[in-house]
N, C-alpha and C. Protein backbone atom coordinates (compact mmCIF):
# COMPACT_ATOMS: atom_id res chain seq x y z
N MET A 1 135.21 176.58 -47.04
CA MET A 1 134.99 175.22 -47.50
C MET A 1 133.51 174.88 -47.29
N SER A 2 132.87 174.31 -48.30
CA SER A 2 131.44 174.00 -48.20
C SER A 2 131.21 172.84 -47.24
N LYS A 3 129.97 172.70 -46.78
CA LYS A 3 129.62 171.60 -45.87
C LYS A 3 129.89 170.25 -46.52
N HIS A 4 129.61 170.14 -47.81
CA HIS A 4 129.83 168.88 -48.54
C HIS A 4 131.30 168.48 -48.48
N TRP A 5 132.19 169.40 -48.77
CA TRP A 5 133.62 169.07 -48.81
C TRP A 5 134.16 168.81 -47.41
N ARG A 6 133.61 169.52 -46.42
CA ARG A 6 134.01 169.23 -45.04
C ARG A 6 133.63 167.80 -44.67
N ALA A 7 132.46 167.36 -45.09
CA ALA A 7 132.02 165.99 -44.81
C ALA A 7 132.92 164.98 -45.50
N VAL A 8 133.32 165.28 -46.72
CA VAL A 8 134.22 164.39 -47.46
C VAL A 8 135.56 164.28 -46.73
N VAL A 9 136.09 165.40 -46.27
CA VAL A 9 137.38 165.41 -45.56
C VAL A 9 137.26 164.62 -44.26
N VAL A 10 136.17 164.82 -43.52
CA VAL A 10 135.96 164.09 -42.27
C VAL A 10 135.87 162.59 -42.53
N CYS A 11 135.12 162.19 -43.56
CA CYS A 11 135.01 160.76 -43.89
C CYS A 11 136.36 160.17 -44.27
N ALA A 12 137.15 160.91 -45.03
CA ALA A 12 138.49 160.43 -45.42
C ALA A 12 139.37 160.27 -44.19
N ALA A 13 139.29 161.23 -43.27
CA ALA A 13 140.09 161.14 -42.05
C ALA A 13 139.66 159.95 -41.20
N LEU A 14 138.36 159.71 -41.08
CA LEU A 14 137.87 158.55 -40.34
C LEU A 14 138.33 157.26 -40.99
N ALA A 15 138.28 157.18 -42.30
CA ALA A 15 138.72 155.97 -43.00
C ALA A 15 140.20 155.73 -42.77
N ALA A 16 141.01 156.79 -42.84
CA ALA A 16 142.45 156.65 -42.60
C ALA A 16 142.72 156.21 -41.17
N SER A 17 141.98 156.77 -40.22
CA SER A 17 142.15 156.38 -38.82
C SER A 17 141.77 154.93 -38.60
N ALA A 18 140.68 154.50 -39.21
CA ALA A 18 140.24 153.11 -39.07
C ALA A 18 141.29 152.16 -39.66
N MET A 19 141.86 152.53 -40.80
CA MET A 19 142.90 151.68 -41.40
C MET A 19 144.12 151.62 -40.50
N ALA A 20 144.50 152.75 -39.91
CA ALA A 20 145.66 152.77 -39.03
C ALA A 20 145.41 151.90 -37.80
N LEU A 21 144.21 151.99 -37.23
CA LEU A 21 143.86 151.18 -36.06
C LEU A 21 143.84 149.69 -36.38
N SER A 22 143.48 149.34 -37.61
CA SER A 22 143.35 147.92 -37.96
C SER A 22 144.66 147.32 -38.46
N GLY A 23 145.73 148.09 -38.50
CA GLY A 23 147.01 147.55 -38.94
C GLY A 23 147.27 147.76 -40.42
N GLY A 24 146.54 148.63 -41.07
CA GLY A 24 146.79 148.93 -42.47
C GLY A 24 145.85 148.22 -43.40
N ALA A 25 146.16 148.31 -44.68
CA ALA A 25 145.30 147.75 -45.71
C ALA A 25 145.34 146.23 -45.69
N ARG A 26 144.20 145.62 -46.00
CA ARG A 26 144.10 144.17 -46.09
C ARG A 26 143.46 143.83 -47.42
N VAL A 27 143.61 142.58 -47.82
CA VAL A 27 142.96 142.13 -49.04
C VAL A 27 141.46 142.18 -48.83
N ALA A 28 140.74 142.79 -49.74
CA ALA A 28 139.29 142.88 -49.64
C ALA A 28 138.66 142.26 -50.87
N HIS A 29 137.48 141.70 -50.68
CA HIS A 29 136.75 141.11 -51.80
C HIS A 29 135.74 142.08 -52.38
N ALA A 30 135.55 143.20 -51.73
CA ALA A 30 134.65 144.24 -52.21
C ALA A 30 135.22 145.56 -51.72
N GLU A 31 134.69 146.64 -52.21
CA GLU A 31 135.19 147.96 -51.83
C GLU A 31 134.73 148.33 -50.43
N TYR A 32 135.42 149.30 -49.83
CA TYR A 32 135.10 149.79 -48.50
C TYR A 32 133.63 150.15 -48.41
N GLY A 33 132.95 149.61 -47.42
CA GLY A 33 131.57 149.96 -47.18
C GLY A 33 130.56 149.19 -48.01
N ASP A 34 131.00 148.31 -48.93
CA ASP A 34 130.05 147.54 -49.73
C ASP A 34 129.36 146.49 -48.87
N VAL A 35 128.17 146.12 -49.29
CA VAL A 35 127.42 145.06 -48.63
C VAL A 35 127.23 143.95 -49.65
N VAL A 36 127.59 142.73 -49.27
CA VAL A 36 127.34 141.57 -50.13
C VAL A 36 126.05 140.93 -49.64
N MET A 37 125.13 140.70 -50.56
CA MET A 37 123.85 140.07 -50.22
C MET A 37 123.78 138.72 -50.93
N ASN A 38 123.70 137.67 -50.12
CA ASN A 38 123.65 136.32 -50.67
C ASN A 38 122.65 135.46 -49.91
N ASN A 39 121.48 136.01 -49.64
CA ASN A 39 120.44 135.22 -48.99
C ASN A 39 119.86 134.18 -49.95
N TYR A 40 119.79 134.51 -51.24
CA TYR A 40 119.14 133.62 -52.21
C TYR A 40 119.98 133.37 -53.46
N ALA A 41 120.97 134.20 -53.75
CA ALA A 41 121.66 134.16 -55.03
C ALA A 41 122.32 132.83 -55.33
N ASP A 42 123.14 132.31 -54.42
CA ASP A 42 123.81 131.03 -54.68
C ASP A 42 122.81 129.92 -54.97
N LYS A 43 121.75 129.89 -54.18
CA LYS A 43 120.72 128.84 -54.37
C LYS A 43 120.04 128.95 -55.73
N ALA A 44 119.97 130.18 -56.26
CA ALA A 44 119.32 130.40 -57.56
C ALA A 44 120.30 130.30 -58.73
N GLY A 45 121.57 129.97 -58.44
CA GLY A 45 122.56 129.86 -59.50
C GLY A 45 123.06 131.20 -60.01
N MET A 46 122.93 132.24 -59.20
CA MET A 46 123.40 133.58 -59.56
C MET A 46 124.56 133.96 -58.65
N ARG A 47 125.37 134.91 -59.11
CA ARG A 47 126.40 135.47 -58.24
C ARG A 47 125.72 136.30 -57.16
N PRO A 48 126.31 136.40 -55.97
CA PRO A 48 125.75 137.28 -54.93
C PRO A 48 125.79 138.74 -55.39
N VAL A 49 124.95 139.54 -54.79
CA VAL A 49 124.86 140.97 -55.11
C VAL A 49 125.91 141.73 -54.30
N VAL A 50 126.59 142.68 -54.93
CA VAL A 50 127.45 143.63 -54.23
C VAL A 50 126.72 144.97 -54.28
N PHE A 51 126.30 145.43 -53.11
CA PHE A 51 125.59 146.70 -53.00
C PHE A 51 126.59 147.78 -52.58
N PRO A 52 126.87 148.75 -53.46
CA PRO A 52 127.83 149.81 -53.13
C PRO A 52 127.19 150.87 -52.23
N HIS A 53 127.23 150.60 -50.93
CA HIS A 53 126.55 151.44 -49.96
C HIS A 53 126.96 152.91 -50.07
N TRP A 54 128.25 153.22 -50.08
CA TRP A 54 128.68 154.61 -50.07
C TRP A 54 128.37 155.32 -51.37
N PHE A 55 128.35 154.61 -52.48
CA PHE A 55 127.95 155.22 -53.75
C PHE A 55 126.53 155.75 -53.63
N HIS A 56 125.66 154.97 -52.99
CA HIS A 56 124.28 155.40 -52.78
C HIS A 56 124.19 156.45 -51.68
N ARG A 57 124.98 156.30 -50.63
CA ARG A 57 124.90 157.19 -49.48
C ARG A 57 125.28 158.63 -49.82
N VAL A 58 126.22 158.83 -50.73
CA VAL A 58 126.58 160.20 -51.08
C VAL A 58 125.49 160.88 -51.90
N ARG A 59 124.56 160.11 -52.42
CA ARG A 59 123.49 160.67 -53.24
C ARG A 59 122.16 160.80 -52.49
N PHE A 60 121.95 159.97 -51.48
CA PHE A 60 120.68 159.94 -50.77
C PHE A 60 120.91 159.95 -49.27
N ARG A 61 119.95 160.51 -48.54
CA ARG A 61 120.00 160.45 -47.08
C ARG A 61 119.64 159.03 -46.64
N CYS A 62 120.07 158.66 -45.44
CA CYS A 62 119.82 157.32 -44.90
C CYS A 62 118.33 156.96 -44.93
N LYS A 63 117.48 157.95 -44.64
CA LYS A 63 116.05 157.68 -44.53
C LYS A 63 115.43 157.20 -45.83
N VAL A 64 116.02 157.54 -46.97
CA VAL A 64 115.43 157.12 -48.24
C VAL A 64 115.31 155.60 -48.28
N CYS A 65 116.38 154.91 -47.97
CA CYS A 65 116.34 153.44 -48.01
C CYS A 65 115.88 152.84 -46.68
N HIS A 66 116.42 153.38 -45.57
CA HIS A 66 116.18 152.73 -44.29
C HIS A 66 114.86 153.12 -43.63
N THR A 67 114.19 154.12 -44.11
CA THR A 67 112.86 154.46 -43.59
C THR A 67 111.83 154.34 -44.70
N ASP A 68 112.00 155.11 -45.76
CA ASP A 68 111.01 155.13 -46.83
C ASP A 68 110.86 153.77 -47.53
N LEU A 69 111.99 153.07 -47.75
CA LEU A 69 111.93 151.78 -48.45
C LEU A 69 111.95 150.58 -47.50
N GLY A 70 112.13 150.83 -46.21
CA GLY A 70 112.04 149.76 -45.22
C GLY A 70 113.25 148.85 -45.10
N MET A 71 114.42 149.27 -45.58
CA MET A 71 115.63 148.45 -45.45
C MET A 71 116.08 148.44 -43.99
N LYS A 72 116.41 147.26 -43.49
CA LYS A 72 116.93 147.14 -42.13
C LYS A 72 118.40 147.51 -42.11
N PHE A 73 118.90 147.88 -40.94
CA PHE A 73 120.29 148.27 -40.77
C PHE A 73 121.18 147.06 -40.50
N LYS A 74 120.97 145.97 -41.19
CA LYS A 74 121.76 144.76 -40.98
C LYS A 74 121.91 144.03 -42.30
N ALA A 75 123.15 143.71 -42.66
CA ALA A 75 123.39 142.95 -43.89
C ALA A 75 122.67 141.62 -43.78
N GLY A 76 121.83 141.31 -44.75
CA GLY A 76 121.08 140.06 -44.75
C GLY A 76 119.79 140.13 -43.96
N GLY A 77 119.47 141.27 -43.38
CA GLY A 77 118.28 141.40 -42.55
C GLY A 77 117.00 141.62 -43.32
N ASN A 78 117.09 141.73 -44.64
CA ASN A 78 115.92 141.98 -45.47
C ASN A 78 115.65 140.77 -46.35
N GLU A 79 114.41 140.53 -46.61
CA GLU A 79 114.01 139.41 -47.49
C GLU A 79 113.87 139.94 -48.92
N ILE A 80 114.98 140.41 -49.48
CA ILE A 80 114.98 140.98 -50.83
C ILE A 80 115.13 139.85 -51.83
N ASN A 81 114.25 139.82 -52.83
CA ASN A 81 114.40 138.87 -53.93
C ASN A 81 113.98 139.58 -55.22
N MET A 82 114.25 138.94 -56.33
CA MET A 82 114.01 139.58 -57.62
C MET A 82 112.53 139.87 -57.86
N LEU A 83 111.64 139.05 -57.38
CA LEU A 83 110.20 139.33 -57.57
C LEU A 83 109.81 140.63 -56.90
N LYS A 84 110.33 140.86 -55.69
CA LYS A 84 110.04 142.11 -54.98
C LYS A 84 110.66 143.31 -55.69
N ILE A 85 111.87 143.13 -56.20
CA ILE A 85 112.54 144.23 -56.91
C ILE A 85 111.76 144.58 -58.18
N ILE A 86 111.35 143.57 -58.94
CA ILE A 86 110.57 143.80 -60.16
C ILE A 86 109.25 144.48 -59.82
N ASP A 87 108.71 144.17 -58.64
CA ASP A 87 107.45 144.75 -58.18
C ASP A 87 107.63 146.18 -57.64
N GLY A 88 108.88 146.69 -57.66
CA GLY A 88 109.13 148.06 -57.22
C GLY A 88 109.48 148.21 -55.76
N GLN A 89 109.70 147.11 -55.06
CA GLN A 89 110.09 147.18 -53.67
C GLN A 89 111.62 147.22 -53.55
N TYR A 90 112.10 147.64 -52.40
CA TYR A 90 113.54 147.69 -52.11
C TYR A 90 114.30 148.37 -53.25
N CYS A 91 115.27 147.71 -53.85
CA CYS A 91 116.10 148.28 -54.93
C CYS A 91 115.23 148.72 -56.11
N GLY A 92 114.14 148.01 -56.34
CA GLY A 92 113.27 148.26 -57.48
C GLY A 92 112.56 149.60 -57.44
N ALA A 93 112.58 150.27 -56.28
CA ALA A 93 111.98 151.60 -56.22
C ALA A 93 112.72 152.57 -57.12
N CYS A 94 114.03 152.38 -57.26
CA CYS A 94 114.82 153.24 -58.16
C CYS A 94 115.31 152.49 -59.39
N HIS A 95 115.68 151.23 -59.20
CA HIS A 95 116.20 150.44 -60.33
C HIS A 95 115.03 149.89 -61.14
N ASN A 96 114.40 150.83 -61.86
CA ASN A 96 113.19 150.53 -62.61
C ASN A 96 113.30 150.92 -64.08
N GLY A 97 114.51 151.29 -64.51
CA GLY A 97 114.72 151.70 -65.89
C GLY A 97 114.47 153.18 -66.12
N THR A 98 113.93 153.87 -65.12
CA THR A 98 113.68 155.31 -65.24
C THR A 98 114.67 156.09 -64.38
N VAL A 99 114.70 155.79 -63.09
CA VAL A 99 115.62 156.47 -62.18
C VAL A 99 117.04 155.91 -62.35
N ALA A 100 117.14 154.60 -62.40
CA ALA A 100 118.43 153.90 -62.58
C ALA A 100 118.17 152.66 -63.44
N TRP A 101 119.26 151.98 -63.82
CA TRP A 101 119.10 150.82 -64.70
C TRP A 101 118.11 149.82 -64.13
N SER A 102 117.56 149.02 -64.99
CA SER A 102 116.55 148.05 -64.60
C SER A 102 117.16 146.67 -64.40
N VAL A 103 116.32 145.71 -64.08
CA VAL A 103 116.78 144.36 -63.73
C VAL A 103 117.35 143.56 -64.89
N GLU A 104 117.25 144.06 -66.11
CA GLU A 104 117.79 143.31 -67.25
C GLU A 104 119.31 143.27 -67.24
N ASN A 105 119.95 144.16 -66.48
CA ASN A 105 121.41 144.23 -66.41
C ASN A 105 121.91 143.47 -65.17
N CYS A 106 121.73 142.17 -65.15
CA CYS A 106 122.01 141.35 -63.96
C CYS A 106 123.41 141.54 -63.41
N ASP A 107 124.41 141.54 -64.30
CA ASP A 107 125.80 141.57 -63.85
C ASP A 107 126.21 142.88 -63.17
N LEU A 108 125.43 143.92 -63.31
CA LEU A 108 125.76 145.17 -62.63
C LEU A 108 125.61 145.04 -61.12
N CYS A 109 124.71 144.19 -60.67
CA CYS A 109 124.51 143.97 -59.23
C CYS A 109 125.07 142.61 -58.79
N HIS A 110 124.76 141.58 -59.57
CA HIS A 110 125.20 140.22 -59.24
C HIS A 110 126.64 140.05 -59.70
N SER A 111 127.58 140.58 -58.88
CA SER A 111 128.97 140.64 -59.31
C SER A 111 129.97 140.06 -58.31
N ALA A 112 129.51 139.57 -57.17
CA ALA A 112 130.44 139.00 -56.18
C ALA A 112 130.85 137.59 -56.61
N LYS A 113 131.94 137.11 -56.02
CA LYS A 113 132.37 135.74 -56.29
C LYS A 113 131.32 134.78 -55.73
N PRO A 114 130.98 133.74 -56.48
CA PRO A 114 130.03 132.75 -55.95
C PRO A 114 130.51 132.23 -54.59
N GLY A 115 129.57 132.06 -53.69
CA GLY A 115 129.91 131.57 -52.36
C GLY A 115 130.27 132.64 -51.35
N THR A 116 130.38 133.90 -51.78
CA THR A 116 130.68 134.97 -50.83
C THR A 116 129.49 135.14 -49.89
N PRO A 117 129.71 135.08 -48.59
CA PRO A 117 128.58 135.18 -47.66
C PRO A 117 128.03 136.60 -47.56
N THR A 118 126.80 136.69 -47.08
CA THR A 118 126.18 137.99 -46.83
C THR A 118 126.98 138.69 -45.75
N GLN A 119 127.39 139.93 -46.01
CA GLN A 119 128.21 140.66 -45.04
C GLN A 119 128.41 142.10 -45.48
N ALA A 120 128.78 142.94 -44.52
CA ALA A 120 129.20 144.31 -44.81
C ALA A 120 130.72 144.30 -44.78
N HIS A 121 131.36 144.84 -45.81
CA HIS A 121 132.81 144.83 -45.90
C HIS A 121 133.42 146.06 -45.30
N GLU A 122 134.32 145.86 -44.34
CA GLU A 122 135.20 146.89 -43.80
C GLU A 122 134.51 148.17 -43.39
N SER A 123 133.36 148.05 -42.76
CA SER A 123 132.72 149.27 -42.28
C SER A 123 133.50 149.79 -41.08
N THR A 124 133.39 151.05 -40.79
CA THR A 124 134.09 151.65 -39.66
C THR A 124 133.70 150.94 -38.38
N VAL A 125 132.43 150.57 -38.24
CA VAL A 125 131.97 149.89 -37.03
C VAL A 125 132.68 148.55 -36.90
N ASN A 126 132.79 147.79 -37.99
CA ASN A 126 133.47 146.51 -37.93
C ASN A 126 134.94 146.68 -37.55
N LEU A 127 135.61 147.65 -38.15
CA LEU A 127 137.02 147.86 -37.85
C LEU A 127 137.23 148.27 -36.40
N LEU A 128 136.44 149.19 -35.91
CA LEU A 128 136.60 149.65 -34.54
C LEU A 128 136.19 148.56 -33.55
N GLY A 129 135.20 147.76 -33.92
CA GLY A 129 134.76 146.67 -33.05
C GLY A 129 135.85 145.63 -32.84
N ARG A 130 136.71 145.41 -33.82
CA ARG A 130 137.78 144.42 -33.69
C ARG A 130 138.91 144.93 -32.82
N THR A 131 139.11 146.24 -32.76
CA THR A 131 140.27 146.77 -32.06
C THR A 131 139.92 147.30 -30.68
N ALA A 132 138.66 147.53 -30.42
CA ALA A 132 138.27 148.13 -29.14
C ALA A 132 138.30 147.08 -28.04
N THR A 133 138.62 147.52 -26.84
CA THR A 133 138.57 146.64 -25.68
C THR A 133 137.21 146.80 -25.03
N PRO A 134 136.74 145.78 -24.30
CA PRO A 134 135.42 145.90 -23.66
C PRO A 134 135.35 147.14 -22.78
N GLY A 135 134.30 147.88 -22.94
CA GLY A 135 134.09 149.08 -22.14
C GLY A 135 134.73 150.33 -22.71
N ALA A 136 135.63 150.17 -23.70
CA ALA A 136 136.30 151.35 -24.25
C ALA A 136 135.33 152.27 -24.96
N ALA A 137 134.38 151.68 -25.70
CA ALA A 137 133.40 152.50 -26.42
C ALA A 137 132.53 153.28 -25.44
N ALA A 138 132.10 152.62 -24.37
CA ALA A 138 131.26 153.30 -23.37
C ALA A 138 132.04 154.41 -22.68
N ALA A 139 133.31 154.14 -22.37
CA ALA A 139 134.13 155.16 -21.72
C ALA A 139 134.34 156.34 -22.65
N ALA A 140 134.59 156.06 -23.93
CA ALA A 140 134.80 157.13 -24.90
C ALA A 140 133.52 157.95 -25.06
N ALA A 141 132.38 157.27 -25.08
CA ALA A 141 131.10 157.98 -25.22
C ALA A 141 130.86 158.85 -24.00
N GLY A 142 131.17 158.34 -22.83
CA GLY A 142 131.00 159.12 -21.61
C GLY A 142 131.89 160.34 -21.57
N ALA A 143 133.13 160.16 -22.04
CA ALA A 143 134.08 161.28 -22.06
C ALA A 143 133.67 162.35 -23.05
N ALA A 144 132.94 161.95 -24.09
CA ALA A 144 132.55 162.90 -25.12
C ALA A 144 131.33 163.72 -24.73
N ARG A 145 130.57 163.25 -23.74
CA ARG A 145 129.37 163.96 -23.35
C ARG A 145 129.72 165.18 -22.49
N PRO A 146 129.01 166.28 -22.72
CA PRO A 146 129.25 167.44 -21.86
C PRO A 146 128.74 167.18 -20.44
N ALA A 147 129.38 167.74 -19.49
CA ALA A 147 128.95 167.58 -18.10
C ALA A 147 127.64 168.31 -17.90
N THR A 148 126.74 167.69 -17.16
CA THR A 148 125.45 168.33 -16.86
C THR A 148 125.20 168.29 -15.35
N GLY A 149 124.37 169.14 -14.89
CA GLY A 149 124.01 169.13 -13.48
C GLY A 149 125.08 169.79 -12.62
N ASN A 150 124.86 169.70 -11.29
CA ASN A 150 125.79 170.32 -10.35
C ASN A 150 126.89 169.35 -10.00
N LYS A 151 128.13 169.82 -9.90
CA LYS A 151 129.24 169.00 -9.45
C LYS A 151 129.50 169.34 -8.01
N LYS A 152 129.85 168.36 -7.23
CA LYS A 152 130.15 168.61 -5.81
C LYS A 152 131.62 168.68 -5.59
């Protein structure tokens, strides 16, 4: 089995485990892992943006957006607006009509229900954060580390 398919299987298993821990499927307003960005859209009379994080993640390494393009690791943590995108910043680095569609196709990105707040939908971290008890994550991390040094 190739590394790519092993990663797909591992991600599917993690998603299934997260759903089982959270009590099963729930009504969602966006797909698993999507980020809704609504820092400016409602005020400008536009629908909020739905950013399909995993669609992009399977094609690019994290560093492309989060290092090279300067995206922060927090929904709503970036001051992204259409002027910056048109200027080639953030999404506009690829969504320029050459690499991917350009800004003339508004509804491809601005597709969330009006009033939807800025948020990440159903990420594994969010699901595990709701079900974990205080200290459980630290205990699990400690248990996963190999023992080092001398034991008495």
